[in-house]
Structure formats: structure tokens, C-alpha cells
Amino acid sequence: MTERRCGHVALVGRPNVGKSTLLNALVGEHLAIVTHKPQTTRHRLVGVLTEARGQIALVDTPGLHQRRPHGLNRRLNRTAVAALDSVDVVVMVIDAAHWTAEDDLVADRVARFPGPRVLVINKIDLLDDRSSLLEMTARLSSRLTPTAVLYTTASKGDGLGDLVDELFACLPPGEPFYPADEFTDRPARFLAAELVREQLMLQLHQEIPYGLTVQVERYEQQARRLWISALIVVAEDRHKGMVIGRQGQVLKRVGSRARREMAELLGQPVHLELHVRTRAGWVDDERALDELGFAD
């Protein structure tokens, strides 16, 4: 029997390059929430891909960014950087159609990683002229000296097989870290909270989602369904009404869509209750960040 290869692989990149979409596509589950808004990912999340040849533990991280320097943003950056200290392989994901100063920030970090580095050029379907890939590949290969360069469109599943093959080739021999039937290191109540936040980000105006977070206060298995009660925490009173909406319509829409996503992911009917509360300035309050689950 071929020796199994197992290890942790960090997916790093600036916001909105497709890291979470890539993780979900590789694992085959809706683990990491995905929206078009930057900074959707706020927590370190492991998605587990297990095959006969071994196990890849994919570590999704917040996008490295240069946004407003409040407490939450500083913690997100520290979470992303810290992931590089505990993995076997780093995958830098970039958007084929857009390069920014934040990509330079990520590239500087990745270039210092002592282990195998894989470059994934994602969203190549957005390129009108793919000849630019040759220049991009040469420039970044000189800068990062990657083990491999892969071209993907994660949203369509293109190029993922080659990426998986390359990651297994880079991993050391070893035994799996997670049972074969597990697909994440996060508990179901965490995934439920994230699915509520995903719908909030999709439904609300641009500035509001960054000042809210979600906590599951009750997660109870009953005979025929899960009973979940979640608290939506907003940073300003004026946002509370926007989250609820006229006659509660926004909150009802968020709850209905999040409940369907939960039922599909968790494999059973879900009863979901949502509540909204203001905690002024929580995004810049170190104690509040600790209490709300943003570990440093």
C-alpha cells in the first residue's frame, strides 16, 4: 500500500480572492461562508479532505488587509499570519484579474514561509486575454519560488483535481489528524452562527455587516429537529432597526434562508429563532472581542 500523506495546508490571500469558495469546493460542503463583500471570513476554519492516499486539513484564514486599524481588523490579520506558523504547506490564492497592494502584503509573508509554497491563480474565467497569465506566473514565480503554480476557477470546480494532487505530493508521510467522517474542526453551533452571518452580509447594505456578529445561545437536539436560538450583535443602535427591517421583513428573510442552509448542512429540520442586541463599539473593545469568540 502506498504510504499515506497527511498535514495542514493554509489558504492565504487578501480578501475576496476566493479562498473560502476554494475550501468549500475541495471539501464538498458549505463550511466557509461566501459573499462578495471583503472580510467575510473572520475565523480560522479547518476543512478536512480525506482520501485513501491521506488527509488534507485545509486551513481557511481571514484575508490579510490594510483596512481601518480597529481591534477586530488587527485580530483578523494576526489570525491570518499565525496560521503560517502551524502548517506544512502554504497556498497563496490570488485573483487572476486583479492585483492590489494587499496582494503584495500577502506575498511578502508567503515568501518567508520555510516549507512548500503553492501559488493558485484563481478566477481565470474572468480573464479576456489569458496571455497575461504567462507574465503573471513568471513574475510571481521569481518572487515566491513556489513548488507549483495552479490555475483554477473555484466557483466552477475547474483545476481542483490538479491542486489536490499537488497538495498530497507536498505533504509529509503520516497518519490522519481527524476521523475520516469529519469534514471540519468546528462544532455545528459555530457553523450555524456563520450561516446566519452569511445571510446578513448578503441582505444588508455595505457598511452594516462589518459592525455585526452572531452568537448561538441555544443549540438543542430535540426528537425531530434542532432548536437553535441565535443573537445578532450590532455595534450601533441605528443598525438594529436596519437588521430587523420594516415589520421584521429583513430578519424574517435572513432567518428563512439561514434555516434552509442549516438543514441542508446538518441533515435535519431546524427551528431557528433570531434576536438583535446592540453592544456599542464592540469591534474596538478588546474584552468584547474575547467574549464574542474572536480569539487572539
Protein backbone atom coordinates (compact mmCIF):
# COMPACT_ATOMS: atom_id res chain seq x y z
CA MET A 1 0.00 0.00 0.00
CA THR A 2 1.24 3.49 -0.85
CA GLU A 3 2.34 5.47 2.19
CA ARG A 4 -0.33 7.94 3.29
CA ARG A 5 0.42 11.64 3.38
CA CYS A 6 -1.30 13.92 5.87
CA GLY A 7 -0.90 17.50 7.04
CA HIS A 8 -2.23 21.02 7.33
CA VAL A 9 -2.42 23.45 4.40
CA ALA A 10 -3.08 27.17 4.91
CA LEU A 11 -5.11 29.04 2.30
CA VAL A 12 -3.92 32.64 2.43
CA GLY A 13 -4.60 35.73 0.37
CA ARG A 14 -6.16 39.16 0.50
CA PRO A 15 -9.96 39.47 0.92
CA ASN A 16 -12.18 38.31 -1.94
CA VAL A 17 -9.73 36.20 -3.92
CA GLY A 18 -11.85 33.05 -3.43
CA LYS A 19 -10.20 31.22 -0.51
CA SER A 20 -13.48 30.21 1.12
CA THR A 21 -15.02 29.19 -2.20
CA LEU A 22 -11.94 27.07 -2.84
CA LEU A 23 -12.16 25.39 0.57
CA ASN A 24 -15.87 24.58 0.13
CA ALA A 25 -15.27 23.17 -3.34
CA LEU A 26 -12.39 20.97 -2.18
CA VAL A 27 -14.24 19.61 0.86
CA GLY A 28 -17.60 19.37 -0.86
CA GLU A 29 -19.52 21.09 1.95
CA HIS A 30 -20.77 24.61 2.66
CA LEU A 31 -18.38 25.21 5.56
CA ALA A 32 -16.93 28.67 4.98
CA ILE A 33 -19.43 31.42 4.28
CA VAL A 34 -19.06 33.21 0.96
CA THR A 35 -20.23 36.67 -0.09
CA HIS A 36 -18.98 39.34 -2.48
CA LYS A 37 -18.09 41.62 0.46
CA PRO A 38 -14.49 41.83 1.75
CA GLN A 39 -13.65 40.40 5.18
CA THR A 40 -16.41 37.81 5.08
CA THR A 41 -14.06 35.28 6.72
CA ARG A 42 -13.33 36.20 10.33
CA HIS A 43 -12.22 32.95 11.92
CA ARG A 44 -9.68 30.23 11.35
CA LEU A 45 -11.61 27.26 9.97
CA VAL A 46 -10.33 23.81 9.05
CA GLY A 47 -11.98 21.84 6.27
CA VAL A 48 -10.96 18.19 6.05
CA LEU A 49 -10.47 16.24 2.82
CA THR A 50 -9.84 12.54 3.43
CA GLU A 51 -8.94 10.04 0.72
CA ALA A 52 -7.29 6.63 0.61
CA ARG A 53 -3.94 8.32 -0.06
CA GLY A 54 -4.15 10.51 3.05
CA GLN A 55 -5.74 13.61 4.55
CA ILE A 56 -5.51 17.31 3.78
CA ALA A 57 -6.58 19.67 6.57
CA LEU A 58 -7.30 22.93 4.75
CA VAL A 59 -6.99 25.99 6.97
CA ASP A 60 -9.14 28.89 5.75
CA THR A 61 -7.98 32.24 7.11
CA PRO A 62 -9.21 35.85 7.12
CA GLY A 63 -7.91 37.89 4.21
CA LEU A 64 -4.81 39.93 5.00
CA HIS A 65 -5.81 43.54 4.55
CA GLN A 66 -4.97 47.19 5.14
CA ARG A 67 -8.35 48.41 6.38
CA ARG A 68 -9.25 50.67 9.29
CA PRO A 69 -6.98 49.78 12.25
CA HIS A 70 -9.67 48.92 14.78
CA GLY A 71 -9.36 45.99 17.17
CA LEU A 72 -11.27 43.47 15.06
CA ASN A 73 -9.17 44.12 11.95
CA ARG A 74 -5.94 43.77 13.92
CA ARG A 75 -7.12 40.44 15.25
CA LEU A 76 -8.12 39.20 11.80
CA ASN A 77 -4.66 39.98 10.45
CA ARG A 78 -2.98 38.27 13.41
CA THR A 79 -5.16 35.19 12.88
CA ALA A 80 -4.15 35.01 9.22
CA VAL A 81 -0.44 35.43 9.94
CA ALA A 82 -0.46 32.96 12.86
CA ALA A 83 -1.80 30.22 10.57
CA LEU A 84 1.57 30.17 8.79
CA ASP A 85 3.29 29.01 11.98
CA SER A 86 1.43 25.71 12.29
CA VAL A 87 1.03 24.27 8.78
CA ASP A 88 3.03 22.07 6.44
CA VAL A 89 2.16 23.84 3.18
CA VAL A 90 1.01 27.34 2.27
CA VAL A 91 -1.25 28.06 -0.69
CA MET A 92 -1.31 31.68 -1.80
CA VAL A 93 -4.55 32.39 -3.65
CA ILE A 94 -4.75 35.40 -5.97
CA ASP A 95 -7.43 36.82 -8.25
CA ALA A 96 -6.22 36.44 -11.84
CA ALA A 97 -7.90 39.68 -12.87
CA HIS A 98 -6.85 42.00 -10.03
CA TRP A 99 -3.58 42.60 -8.16
CA THR A 100 -3.52 45.08 -5.27
CA ALA A 101 -1.18 46.37 -2.57
CA GLU A 102 -2.77 43.83 -0.23
CA ASP A 103 -1.58 41.03 -2.54
CA ASP A 104 1.93 42.43 -2.08
CA LEU A 105 1.42 42.23 1.69
CA VAL A 106 0.48 38.56 1.42
CA ALA A 107 3.31 37.75 -0.99
CA ASP A 108 5.87 39.20 1.42
CA ARG A 109 4.57 36.90 4.17
CA VAL A 110 4.38 33.82 1.97
CA ALA A 111 7.91 34.31 0.61
CA ARG A 112 9.23 33.87 4.17
CA PHE A 113 7.43 30.56 4.75
CA PRO A 114 10.09 27.83 5.10
CA GLY A 115 8.05 24.95 3.69
CA PRO A 116 6.42 24.18 0.33
CA ARG A 117 4.59 27.13 -1.24
CA VAL A 118 1.91 26.64 -3.86
CA LEU A 119 0.55 29.51 -5.93
CA VAL A 120 -3.09 29.31 -7.03
CA ILE A 121 -4.20 31.81 -9.65
CA ASN A 122 -7.97 31.77 -9.25
CA LYS A 123 -10.89 33.20 -11.25
CA ILE A 124 -9.13 32.69 -14.56
CA ASP A 125 -12.57 32.60 -16.21
CA LEU A 126 -12.69 36.38 -15.71
CA LEU A 127 -9.71 36.98 -17.99
CA ASP A 128 -10.49 38.12 -21.53
CA ASP A 129 -6.88 37.55 -22.59
CA ARG A 130 -5.16 34.65 -20.82
CA SER A 131 -1.80 35.54 -22.31
CA SER A 132 -1.32 37.75 -19.25
CA LEU A 133 -1.08 34.57 -17.15
CA LEU A 134 2.38 33.88 -18.54
CA GLU A 135 3.78 37.23 -17.36
CA MET A 136 1.99 36.93 -14.01
CA THR A 137 3.29 33.41 -13.47
CA ALA A 138 6.88 34.37 -14.30
CA ARG A 139 6.81 37.43 -12.04
CA LEU A 140 5.33 35.63 -9.04
CA SER A 141 7.43 32.50 -9.52
CA SER A 142 10.56 34.63 -9.28
CA ARG A 143 9.26 36.28 -6.14
CA LEU A 144 7.80 33.24 -4.32
CA THR A 145 9.72 30.27 -5.78
CA PRO A 146 6.60 28.10 -5.48
CA THR A 147 6.64 24.32 -5.67
CA ALA A 148 3.85 24.58 -8.22
CA VAL A 149 1.56 27.08 -9.92
CA LEU A 150 -2.06 26.04 -10.48
CA TYR A 151 -4.84 27.79 -12.40
CA THR A 152 -8.37 27.45 -11.05
CA THR A 153 -11.91 28.71 -11.15
CA ALA A 154 -13.03 27.52 -7.74
CA SER A 155 -16.65 28.58 -8.24
CA LYS A 156 -16.92 26.16 -11.18
CA GLY A 157 -14.65 23.42 -9.81
CA ASP A 158 -12.07 23.90 -12.57
CA GLY A 159 -8.49 22.87 -11.81
CA LEU A 160 -9.21 21.41 -8.39
CA GLY A 161 -8.09 17.87 -9.17
CA ASP A 162 -4.60 19.03 -10.10
CA LEU A 163 -4.45 21.14 -6.95
CA VAL A 164 -5.36 18.20 -4.72
CA ASP A 165 -2.72 16.03 -6.40
CA GLU A 166 -0.09 18.70 -5.83
CA LEU A 167 -1.02 19.18 -2.17
CA PHE A 168 -0.78 15.46 -1.44
CA ALA A 169 2.63 15.44 -3.12
CA CYS A 170 3.79 18.27 -0.84
CA LEU A 171 2.55 16.78 2.44
CA PRO A 172 4.75 14.63 4.68
CA PRO A 173 4.02 10.95 5.37
CA GLY A 174 1.84 10.50 8.42
CA GLU A 175 -1.45 9.48 9.93
CA PRO A 176 -4.71 11.48 9.73
CA PHE A 177 -5.41 14.15 12.33
CA TYR A 178 -9.20 13.85 12.03
CA PRO A 179 -11.61 10.90 11.74
CA ALA A 180 -12.48 10.03 8.16
CA ASP A 181 -16.15 11.02 8.60
CA GLU A 182 -15.38 14.54 9.89
CA PHE A 183 -15.19 17.45 7.46
CA THR A 184 -14.31 20.31 9.83
CA ASP A 185 -12.78 21.06 13.22
CA ARG A 186 -15.60 23.44 14.12
CA PRO A 187 -18.73 22.45 16.08
CA ALA A 188 -22.13 22.62 14.43
CA ARG A 189 -23.22 25.61 16.54
CA PHE A 190 -20.32 27.64 15.12
CA LEU A 191 -21.36 26.72 11.58
CA ALA A 192 -24.95 27.71 12.38
CA ALA A 193 -23.86 31.16 13.59
CA GLU A 194 -21.79 31.67 10.45
CA LEU A 195 -24.72 30.76 8.20
CA VAL A 196 -26.81 33.46 9.87
CA ARG A 197 -24.00 35.98 9.40
CA GLU A 198 -23.66 34.98 5.75
CA GLN A 199 -27.30 35.85 5.10
CA LEU A 200 -26.95 39.13 6.98
CA MET A 201 -23.99 40.09 4.80
CA LEU A 202 -25.93 39.20 1.67
CA GLN A 203 -29.06 41.12 2.69
CA LEU A 204 -27.68 44.30 4.26
CA HIS A 205 -26.05 47.45 2.92
CA GLN A 206 -22.29 47.63 2.50
CA GLU A 207 -21.34 49.33 5.79
CA ILE A 208 -23.59 47.44 8.21
CA PRO A 209 -22.25 43.83 8.15
CA TYR A 210 -18.81 44.81 9.46
CA GLY A 211 -20.35 46.05 12.70
CA LEU A 212 -22.27 42.89 13.50
CA THR A 213 -21.55 39.39 14.65
CA VAL A 214 -23.64 36.34 15.58
CA GLN A 215 -23.62 34.07 18.63
CA VAL A 216 -25.65 30.89 19.06
CA GLU A 217 -27.13 31.00 22.56
CA ARG A 218 -29.16 27.79 22.41
CA TYR A 219 -28.42 24.67 20.41
CA GLU A 220 -30.65 21.80 21.44
CA GLN A 221 -31.25 18.48 19.76
CA GLN A 222 -34.91 17.54 20.00
CA ALA A 223 -36.67 14.40 18.84
CA ARG A 224 -37.35 15.54 15.28
CA ARG A 225 -35.31 18.71 14.80
CA LEU A 226 -32.64 21.06 16.06
CA TRP A 227 -33.76 24.07 18.08
CA ILE A 228 -31.36 26.98 17.58
CA SER A 229 -31.56 30.46 19.09
CA ALA A 230 -29.03 32.99 17.78
CA LEU A 231 -28.18 36.52 18.92
CA ILE A 232 -27.19 39.13 16.35
CA VAL A 233 -24.92 41.73 17.96
CA VAL A 234 -24.65 45.15 16.30
CA ALA A 235 -22.24 47.96 17.12
CA GLU A 236 -24.69 50.87 16.75
CA ASP A 237 -28.34 51.36 17.71
CA ARG A 238 -29.17 52.70 14.25
CA HIS A 239 -28.15 49.36 12.74
CA LYS A 240 -30.58 47.41 14.90
CA GLY A 241 -33.61 48.68 13.00
CA MET A 242 -31.92 48.02 9.68
CA VAL A 243 -31.22 44.40 10.64
CA ILE A 244 -34.82 43.88 11.72
CA GLY A 245 -36.31 45.78 8.79
CA ARG A 246 -39.80 47.19 8.33
CA GLN A 247 -42.29 44.89 10.07
CA GLY A 248 -39.41 42.49 10.66
CA GLN A 249 -39.07 41.61 6.99
CA VAL A 250 -35.25 41.62 6.79
CA LEU A 251 -34.88 39.45 9.89
CA LYS A 252 -37.55 37.05 8.61
CA ARG A 253 -35.80 36.73 5.25
CA VAL A 254 -32.41 36.16 6.89
CA GLY A 255 -33.88 33.56 9.23
CA SER A 256 -35.71 31.68 6.48
CA ARG A 257 -32.67 31.43 4.22
CA ALA A 258 -30.24 30.60 7.03
CA ARG A 259 -32.57 27.87 8.31
CA ARG A 260 -32.65 26.20 4.90
CA GLU A 261 -28.84 26.27 4.69
CA MET A 262 -28.55 24.81 8.20
CA ALA A 263 -30.99 22.00 7.45
CA GLU A 264 -29.04 21.04 4.33
CA LEU A 265 -25.64 21.16 6.05
CA LEU A 266 -26.72 19.44 9.28
CA GLY A 267 -29.04 16.92 7.64
CA GLN A 268 -32.20 17.55 9.65
CA PRO A 269 -35.03 20.11 10.13
CA VAL A 270 -34.12 23.22 12.10
CA HIS A 271 -36.21 25.61 14.19
CA LEU A 272 -34.38 28.96 14.23
CA GLU A 273 -35.03 32.00 16.42
CA LEU A 274 -33.14 35.27 15.88
CA HIS A 275 -32.74 38.21 18.28
CA VAL A 276 -30.89 41.51 17.86
CA ARG A 277 -28.99 43.46 20.54
CA THR A 278 -26.70 46.50 20.48
CA ARG A 279 -23.25 46.29 22.04
CA ALA A 280 -21.80 49.69 21.31
CA GLY A 281 -18.28 49.76 19.87
CA TRP A 282 -17.63 46.04 20.20
CA VAL A 283 -15.35 46.00 17.12
CA ASP A 284 -12.77 48.07 19.06
CA ASP A 285 -13.33 46.65 22.57
CA GLU A 286 -10.73 44.01 23.46
CA ARG A 287 -12.89 42.47 26.19
CA ALA A 288 -15.92 42.30 23.90
CA LEU A 289 -13.83 40.66 21.16
CA ASP A 290 -12.75 37.97 23.62
CA GLU A 291 -16.32 37.36 24.78
CA LEU A 292 -17.67 37.23 21.23
CA GLY A 293 -15.26 34.50 20.20
CA PHE A 294 -12.50 36.36 18.37
CA ALA A 295 -9.55 34.56 19.92
CA ASP A 296 -6.23 36.35 19.67
